[in-house]
């Protein structure tokens, strides 16, 4: 039995299980000041909490410059290959670069997933240009982290998961900040073996970790913190203190993502 609650309450790292944070970023963000945005800053946070690995996409890549941002991620995973896994971010406004950017990035072993952010790239999640990325993911059998925010993105994730059964899709933020949208996200996750939700929730409701496990099972729920937007301790504490079994916590904290990343 793992003393999750005791370690969290004493401020000790949960260092006796695998913890993979599936939803992190890297670098400066234009909208507000983030004082701990470097890989080294994130490693301090990870070590304090017991997080073994973080899956990262660059703020610059979901913002103004996907090539620059992807280069930051590539440099980071090369520098710290045992601590970071990279997502290559694609921008649907530049469809001619999508396939080549994925191919370029995946030459680096620690680049293992694709990130899409329809909100900042101002493009629907199932726009035709995004399908180039989904086709690549399907061929490679890799994971796509989707920024889902609002009911339209959840419906789109439902359609996309049906079309590309060999890829795995994560509904980042579990649909956003609306309980009814989260309910729909859980419903569609239950329809597909290749569709998951993560707990990088900008609005966390009491008991929602337990609720997701009850509704879709612990093997469909992933630990994600949105670090460095947020300190990872918030979501880690919510999972560690949740009223679910130790084995379910182990699934969420790392075993599910280990399976999706094939590591």
Protein backbone atom coordinates (compact mmCIF):
# COMPACT_ATOMS: atom_id res chain seq x y z
CA UNK A 1 0.00 0.00 0.00
CA UNK A 2 1.32 3.43 -1.01
CA UNK A 3 0.97 6.28 1.46
CA UNK A 4 -0.24 8.83 -1.09
CA UNK A 5 -2.07 11.03 1.40
CA UNK A 6 0.70 10.96 3.98
CA UNK A 7 3.37 11.97 1.49
CA UNK A 8 1.31 14.80 0.06
CA UNK A 9 0.38 16.15 3.48
CA UNK A 10 4.02 16.06 4.62
CA UNK A 11 5.25 17.70 1.43
CA UNK A 12 7.23 14.65 0.33
CA UNK A 13 7.65 13.49 -3.28
CA UNK A 14 5.60 10.53 -4.43
CA UNK A 15 8.71 8.70 -5.56
CA UNK A 16 7.68 5.06 -5.27
CA UNK A 17 5.49 4.92 -8.41
CA UNK A 18 5.83 6.08 -12.01
CA UNK A 19 4.42 9.57 -12.61
CA UNK A 20 4.20 10.98 -16.14
CA UNK A 21 2.65 14.41 -16.64
CA UNK A 22 1.00 14.17 -20.05
CA UNK A 23 0.13 17.85 -20.49
CA UNK A 24 2.88 20.44 -20.01
CA UNK A 25 4.29 23.38 -21.92
CA UNK A 26 7.65 25.12 -22.16
CA UNK A 27 8.87 28.68 -22.50
CA UNK A 28 7.42 32.15 -22.26
CA UNK A 29 3.79 32.96 -22.97
CA UNK A 30 2.79 36.36 -24.34
CA UNK A 31 -0.47 36.74 -22.41
CA UNK A 32 0.99 36.88 -18.89
CA UNK A 33 4.18 36.54 -16.90
CA UNK A 34 5.28 32.99 -16.17
CA UNK A 35 8.38 33.12 -13.94
CA UNK A 36 9.24 29.40 -14.00
CA UNK A 37 8.93 28.49 -17.66
CA UNK A 38 12.30 26.85 -18.41
CA UNK A 39 13.05 23.14 -18.43
CA UNK A 40 15.30 23.60 -15.42
CA UNK A 41 12.54 25.37 -13.48
CA UNK A 42 10.13 22.58 -14.35
CA UNK A 43 12.61 19.93 -13.23
CA UNK A 44 12.76 21.53 -9.78
CA UNK A 45 8.96 21.31 -9.54
CA UNK A 46 9.00 17.74 -10.83
CA UNK A 47 11.67 16.59 -8.38
CA UNK A 48 9.90 18.13 -5.40
CA UNK A 49 6.70 16.28 -6.31
CA UNK A 50 8.11 13.00 -7.63
CA UNK A 51 7.17 13.47 -11.29
CA UNK A 52 9.43 11.27 -13.40
CA UNK A 53 8.66 12.62 -16.86
CA UNK A 54 6.79 15.52 -18.45
CA UNK A 55 5.34 15.62 -21.96
CA UNK A 56 5.88 19.08 -23.40
CA UNK A 57 4.82 21.37 -26.21
CA UNK A 58 6.19 24.89 -26.49
CA UNK A 59 4.12 27.98 -25.85
CA UNK A 60 5.74 29.52 -28.90
CA UNK A 61 4.54 26.62 -31.03
CA UNK A 62 0.89 26.93 -30.05
CA UNK A 63 1.34 30.67 -30.41
CA UNK A 64 3.21 32.65 -33.06
CA UNK A 65 5.99 30.36 -34.33
CA UNK A 66 5.59 26.59 -34.45
CA UNK A 67 9.02 25.93 -35.96
CA UNK A 68 10.82 27.96 -33.28
CA UNK A 69 8.68 26.34 -30.58
CA UNK A 70 9.24 22.82 -31.87
CA UNK A 71 12.97 23.51 -31.95
CA UNK A 72 12.84 24.46 -28.25
CA UNK A 73 11.12 21.16 -27.46
CA UNK A 74 13.60 19.16 -29.53
CA UNK A 75 16.55 20.84 -27.80
CA UNK A 76 15.00 20.11 -24.40
CA UNK A 77 14.28 16.42 -24.98
CA UNK A 78 17.80 15.96 -26.33
CA UNK A 79 19.27 17.66 -23.26
CA UNK A 80 17.08 15.77 -20.76
CA UNK A 81 16.02 12.56 -22.56
CA UNK A 82 15.10 10.75 -19.36
CA UNK A 83 12.83 13.52 -18.07
CA UNK A 84 11.00 15.01 -21.06
CA UNK A 85 8.91 13.64 -23.91
CA UNK A 86 8.12 15.98 -26.78
CA UNK A 87 4.97 16.78 -28.74
CA UNK A 88 5.46 18.28 -32.17
CA UNK A 89 2.93 21.08 -32.60
CA UNK A 90 1.33 21.54 -36.01
CA UNK A 91 -0.29 24.73 -37.25
CA UNK A 92 -3.22 24.18 -39.65
CA UNK A 93 -2.72 27.65 -41.11
CA UNK A 94 0.43 26.31 -42.77
CA UNK A 95 -0.76 23.00 -44.23
CA UNK A 96 2.21 22.68 -46.55
CA UNK A 97 4.52 22.25 -43.52
CA UNK A 98 2.50 19.80 -41.42
CA UNK A 99 3.85 16.51 -42.72
CA UNK A 100 7.46 17.69 -43.04
CA UNK A 101 7.40 19.18 -39.53
CA UNK A 102 6.16 15.89 -38.10
CA UNK A 103 8.76 13.91 -40.03
CA UNK A 104 11.53 16.28 -38.94
CA UNK A 105 10.55 16.09 -35.30
CA UNK A 106 10.01 12.35 -35.14
CA UNK A 107 13.59 11.74 -36.18
CA UNK A 108 14.35 12.55 -32.52
CA UNK A 109 13.54 9.46 -30.39
CA UNK A 110 12.01 11.42 -27.51
CA UNK A 111 9.53 13.17 -29.81
CA UNK A 112 6.59 10.82 -29.48
CA UNK A 113 3.33 12.75 -29.91
CA UNK A 114 1.50 15.47 -31.80
CA UNK A 115 -0.11 18.57 -30.30
CA UNK A 116 -3.02 20.48 -31.83
CA UNK A 117 -4.43 23.69 -30.40
CA UNK A 118 -7.50 24.84 -32.35
CA UNK A 119 -8.16 27.72 -29.96
CA UNK A 120 -4.94 29.65 -30.50
CA UNK A 121 -4.57 28.58 -34.11
CA UNK A 122 -8.15 29.73 -34.81
CA UNK A 123 -9.13 26.60 -36.68
CA UNK A 124 -11.76 23.91 -35.93
CA UNK A 125 -10.38 20.69 -34.49
CA UNK A 126 -11.67 18.67 -37.43
CA UNK A 127 -10.67 21.14 -40.14
CA UNK A 128 -9.35 19.42 -43.25
CA UNK A 129 -5.81 20.71 -42.67
CA UNK A 130 -5.59 19.01 -39.29
CA UNK A 131 -6.37 15.67 -40.89
CA UNK A 132 -2.85 15.53 -42.29
CA UNK A 133 -1.62 15.28 -38.71
CA UNK A 134 -4.25 12.72 -37.75
CA UNK A 135 -3.35 10.58 -40.76
CA UNK A 136 0.30 10.68 -39.73
CA UNK A 137 -0.65 9.72 -36.17
CA UNK A 138 -2.74 6.85 -37.47
CA UNK A 139 0.14 5.54 -39.59
CA UNK A 140 2.60 5.86 -36.72
CA UNK A 141 0.22 4.65 -34.01
CA UNK A 142 1.15 7.65 -31.89
CA UNK A 143 -0.72 9.93 -29.52
CA UNK A 144 -2.34 13.29 -30.29
CA UNK A 145 -2.95 15.75 -27.46
CA UNK A 146 -5.94 17.90 -28.42
CA UNK A 147 -6.83 21.16 -26.75
CA UNK A 148 -10.55 20.65 -26.15
CA UNK A 149 -12.54 23.58 -24.86
CA UNK A 150 -16.28 23.64 -25.44
CA UNK A 151 -18.84 21.18 -26.70
CA UNK A 152 -17.90 21.58 -30.37
CA UNK A 153 -14.37 20.33 -29.71
CA UNK A 154 -15.69 17.28 -27.85
CA UNK A 155 -18.01 16.39 -30.72
CA UNK A 156 -15.09 16.83 -33.11
CA UNK A 157 -12.88 14.53 -30.99
CA UNK A 158 -15.64 11.92 -31.15
CA UNK A 159 -15.64 12.03 -34.96
CA UNK A 160 -11.87 12.05 -35.27
CA UNK A 161 -11.34 9.07 -32.95
CA UNK A 162 -13.73 7.06 -35.16
CA UNK A 163 -11.83 7.95 -38.32
CA UNK A 164 -8.33 7.11 -37.05
CA UNK A 165 -8.54 3.97 -34.88
CA UNK A 166 -4.78 3.27 -34.86
CA UNK A 167 -3.95 6.63 -33.26
CA UNK A 168 -4.64 7.59 -29.66
CA UNK A 169 -6.30 10.89 -28.81
CA UNK A 170 -6.30 12.80 -25.53
CA UNK A 171 -8.99 15.39 -24.86
CA UNK A 172 -6.85 17.91 -23.03
CA UNK A 173 -8.74 19.70 -20.24
CA UNK A 174 -11.54 17.13 -20.63
CA UNK A 175 -13.54 19.60 -22.69
CA UNK A 176 -13.03 22.74 -20.63
CA UNK A 177 -14.62 24.42 -17.65
CA UNK A 178 -18.25 23.36 -18.02
CA UNK A 179 -19.56 20.34 -16.13
CA UNK A 180 -22.02 19.46 -18.90
CA UNK A 181 -19.21 19.50 -21.45
CA UNK A 182 -17.15 17.22 -19.19
CA UNK A 183 -20.11 14.86 -19.04
CA UNK A 184 -20.17 14.72 -22.84
CA UNK A 185 -16.39 14.19 -22.89
CA UNK A 186 -16.82 11.19 -20.60
CA UNK A 187 -19.62 9.88 -22.79
CA UNK A 188 -17.59 10.01 -25.99
CA UNK A 189 -14.47 8.62 -24.27
CA UNK A 190 -16.53 5.55 -23.43
CA UNK A 191 -17.35 5.07 -27.10
CA UNK A 192 -13.75 4.69 -28.28
CA UNK A 193 -10.84 2.55 -27.17
CA UNK A 194 -8.46 5.23 -28.44
CA UNK A 195 -9.95 8.31 -26.75
CA UNK A 196 -8.84 9.57 -23.32
CA UNK A 197 -9.26 12.61 -21.06
CA UNK A 198 -6.68 14.40 -18.95
CA UNK A 199 -6.96 16.25 -15.67
CA UNK A 200 -5.31 19.51 -16.74
CA UNK A 201 -8.47 21.31 -15.68
CA UNK A 202 -8.38 25.07 -15.42
CA UNK A 203 -11.54 24.79 -13.32
CA UNK A 204 -11.36 21.84 -10.94
CA UNK A 205 -14.59 20.74 -9.31
CA UNK A 206 -14.66 18.88 -6.02
CA UNK A 207 -14.81 15.14 -6.57
CA UNK A 208 -14.25 15.24 -10.32
CA UNK A 209 -11.32 12.80 -10.22
CA UNK A 210 -13.55 10.25 -8.49
CA UNK A 211 -16.37 11.05 -10.91
CA UNK A 212 -14.23 10.49 -14.02
CA UNK A 213 -12.94 7.18 -12.66
CA UNK A 214 -16.48 6.09 -11.90
CA UNK A 215 -17.77 7.13 -15.33
CA UNK A 216 -15.00 5.97 -17.67
CA UNK A 217 -12.59 3.92 -15.55
CA UNK A 218 -9.08 4.72 -14.35
CA UNK A 219 -7.44 3.45 -17.54
CA UNK A 220 -8.97 6.30 -19.56
CA UNK A 221 -7.87 9.13 -17.24
CA UNK A 222 -4.43 10.77 -17.45
CA UNK A 223 -2.50 12.96 -15.04
CA UNK A 224 -1.87 16.37 -16.58
CA UNK A 225 -0.96 19.60 -14.81
CA UNK A 226 -0.63 22.27 -17.56
CA UNK A 227 2.74 23.16 -16.03
CA UNK A 228 4.15 25.87 -16.11
CA UNK A 229 0.76 27.57 -16.49
CA UNK A 230 0.09 26.02 -13.09
CA UNK A 231 2.27 24.48 -10.43
CA UNK A 232 1.89 20.71 -10.83
CA UNK A 233 1.19 20.24 -7.12
CA UNK A 234 -2.47 21.18 -7.54
CA UNK A 235 -3.42 18.32 -9.82
CA UNK A 236 -1.01 15.90 -8.18
CA UNK A 237 -2.69 16.53 -4.83
CA UNK A 238 -6.16 16.06 -6.28
CA UNK A 239 -5.22 12.62 -7.61
CA UNK A 240 -3.17 11.57 -4.57
CA UNK A 241 -6.00 12.47 -2.17
CA UNK A 242 -8.85 11.20 -4.35
CA UNK A 243 -11.10 8.53 -2.87
CA UNK A 244 -10.10 5.87 -5.38
CA UNK A 245 -7.91 2.79 -5.06
CA UNK A 246 -4.11 2.82 -5.13
CA UNK A 247 -4.10 0.85 -8.38
CA UNK A 248 -6.43 3.40 -9.98
CA UNK A 249 -4.09 6.20 -8.89
CA UNK A 250 -1.15 4.33 -10.40
CA UNK A 251 -3.05 4.06 -13.70
CA UNK A 252 -3.73 7.79 -13.77
CA UNK A 253 -0.33 8.93 -12.57
CA UNK A 254 1.78 7.04 -15.07
CA UNK A 255 0.85 3.57 -16.27
CA UNK A 256 -1.70 4.77 -18.81
CA UNK A 257 0.69 7.26 -20.39
CA UNK A 258 3.51 4.73 -20.36
CA UNK A 259 1.31 2.48 -22.46
CA UNK A 260 0.33 5.27 -24.86
CA UNK A 261 3.95 6.35 -25.34
CA UNK A 262 5.15 2.75 -25.68
CA UNK A 263 8.04 3.31 -23.26
